[in-house]
Amino acid sequence: MTKKAENSNTPLQPSFDIAGVSSSNCDKGWHDGSCCCNCKNHYEDFYHCTTLPKPNDVEGCVCSTHKGWVCLISFEGEQPRAHSNWSEHGMCEMHERR
């Protein structure tokens, strides 16, 4: 589903803030357009050269190889918590729009 600009037949273009992560509405998350992909707690995860196992078919440095997604949240008075193996799209109770 592509949203249209009000009083226009031109589709809205998504805006991108960080590494291709959209700050616009998403039709793969919640009914109001909120989604992991536009949450400020959602970060792209990368391999590190010292971490094993390394991805298949990648030689040398793997630090720029996409590994998945991480949700980094903080509860009041606590250190942030990283939840790895998160999906690119979805929705949870900790969503905060970018």
Protein backbone atom coordinates (compact mmCIF):
# COMPACT_ATOMS: atom_id res chain seq x y z
CA MET A 1 0.00 0.00 0.00
CA THR A 2 1.39 3.36 -1.06
CA LYS A 3 0.05 6.44 0.65
CA LYS A 4 -0.76 9.49 -1.46
CA ALA A 5 -0.06 13.09 -0.54
CA GLU A 6 -3.23 14.92 0.51
CA ASN A 7 -5.04 16.43 -2.51
CA SER A 8 -2.55 14.81 -4.88
CA ASN A 9 -2.08 11.70 -6.98
CA THR A 10 1.64 11.72 -6.24
CA PRO A 11 2.78 8.99 -3.79
CA LEU A 12 4.64 10.17 -0.70
CA GLN A 13 8.34 9.42 -0.87
CA PRO A 14 9.89 7.83 2.22
CA SER A 15 12.56 9.74 4.08
CA PHE A 16 15.66 7.98 5.34
CA ASP A 17 17.55 8.99 8.47
CA ILE A 18 20.08 6.27 9.28
CA ALA A 19 21.55 3.59 7.01
CA GLY A 20 18.43 3.23 4.89
CA VAL A 21 16.06 3.07 7.87
CA SER A 22 12.80 4.77 7.02
CA SER A 23 11.28 7.48 9.21
CA SER A 24 8.02 7.44 7.23
CA ASN A 25 4.98 5.22 7.71
CA CYS A 26 5.32 1.50 7.02
CA ASP A 27 2.53 -0.89 6.04
CA LYS A 28 4.37 -3.91 7.52
CA GLY A 29 4.05 -2.90 11.17
CA TRP A 30 1.14 -1.45 13.14
CA HIS A 31 -2.06 -0.04 11.61
CA ASP A 32 -0.96 3.58 12.20
CA GLY A 33 2.26 3.19 10.18
CA SER A 34 4.47 2.56 13.22
CA CYS A 35 7.03 -0.18 12.66
CA CYS A 36 10.44 -1.33 13.88
CA CYS A 37 11.92 0.25 10.74
CA ASN A 38 10.87 3.74 11.93
CA CYS A 39 11.62 3.26 15.64
CA LYS A 40 14.48 5.13 17.29
CA ASN A 41 15.39 1.99 19.28
CA HIS A 42 15.97 -0.14 16.14
CA TYR A 43 19.54 -0.45 14.84
CA GLU A 44 21.23 -2.34 12.05
CA ASP A 45 23.62 -5.02 13.35
CA PHE A 46 26.95 -5.85 11.67
CA TYR A 47 29.51 -8.60 11.99
CA HIS A 48 32.85 -7.77 13.61
CA CYS A 49 36.20 -9.11 12.40
CA THR A 50 36.94 -10.72 15.77
CA THR A 51 33.59 -12.52 16.02
CA LEU A 52 33.14 -16.10 14.84
CA PRO A 53 31.58 -17.59 12.86
CA LYS A 54 32.04 -15.21 9.96
CA PRO A 55 29.43 -15.11 7.20
CA ASN A 56 29.88 -17.43 4.24
CA ASP A 57 31.34 -16.03 1.02
CA VAL A 58 32.94 -13.01 2.70
CA GLU A 59 36.70 -12.78 2.76
CA GLY A 60 38.71 -10.32 4.85
CA CYS A 61 37.03 -7.67 6.95
CA VAL A 62 33.35 -8.32 7.66
CA CYS A 63 32.67 -5.13 9.64
CA SER A 64 30.43 -3.73 6.91
CA THR A 65 28.46 -6.97 6.42
CA HIS A 66 24.85 -6.76 7.58
CA LYS A 67 24.06 -9.34 10.28
CA GLY A 68 20.52 -8.43 11.32
CA TRP A 69 18.72 -5.98 13.57
CA VAL A 70 18.99 -5.01 17.25
CA CYS A 71 16.46 -3.32 19.51
CA LEU A 72 18.27 -1.15 22.08
CA ILE A 73 15.94 -0.02 24.85
CA SER A 74 16.38 1.65 28.23
CA PHE A 75 14.12 1.38 31.23
CA GLU A 76 14.19 4.31 33.63
CA GLY A 77 17.18 4.07 35.94
CA GLU A 78 18.69 1.05 34.17
CA GLN A 79 21.44 0.50 31.63
CA PRO A 80 20.28 0.05 28.00
CA ARG A 81 19.49 -3.51 26.95
CA ALA A 82 20.23 -4.86 23.47
CA HIS A 83 17.85 -7.45 22.06
CA SER A 84 19.51 -9.13 19.08
CA ASN A 85 18.02 -11.16 16.21
CA TRP A 86 15.18 -8.65 15.91
CA SER A 87 13.18 -8.42 12.70
CA GLU A 88 13.43 -5.52 10.28
CA HIS A 89 9.66 -4.94 10.42
CA GLY A 90 7.25 -5.50 13.26
CA MET A 91 5.97 -3.74 16.33
CA CYS A 92 6.35 -3.86 20.11
CA GLU A 93 5.28 -1.86 23.17
CA MET A 94 8.63 0.00 23.25
CA HIS A 95 8.14 1.72 19.87
CA GLU A 96 9.26 5.36 19.71
CA ARG A 97 8.98 7.06 16.34
CA ARG A 98 12.20 8.52 14.86
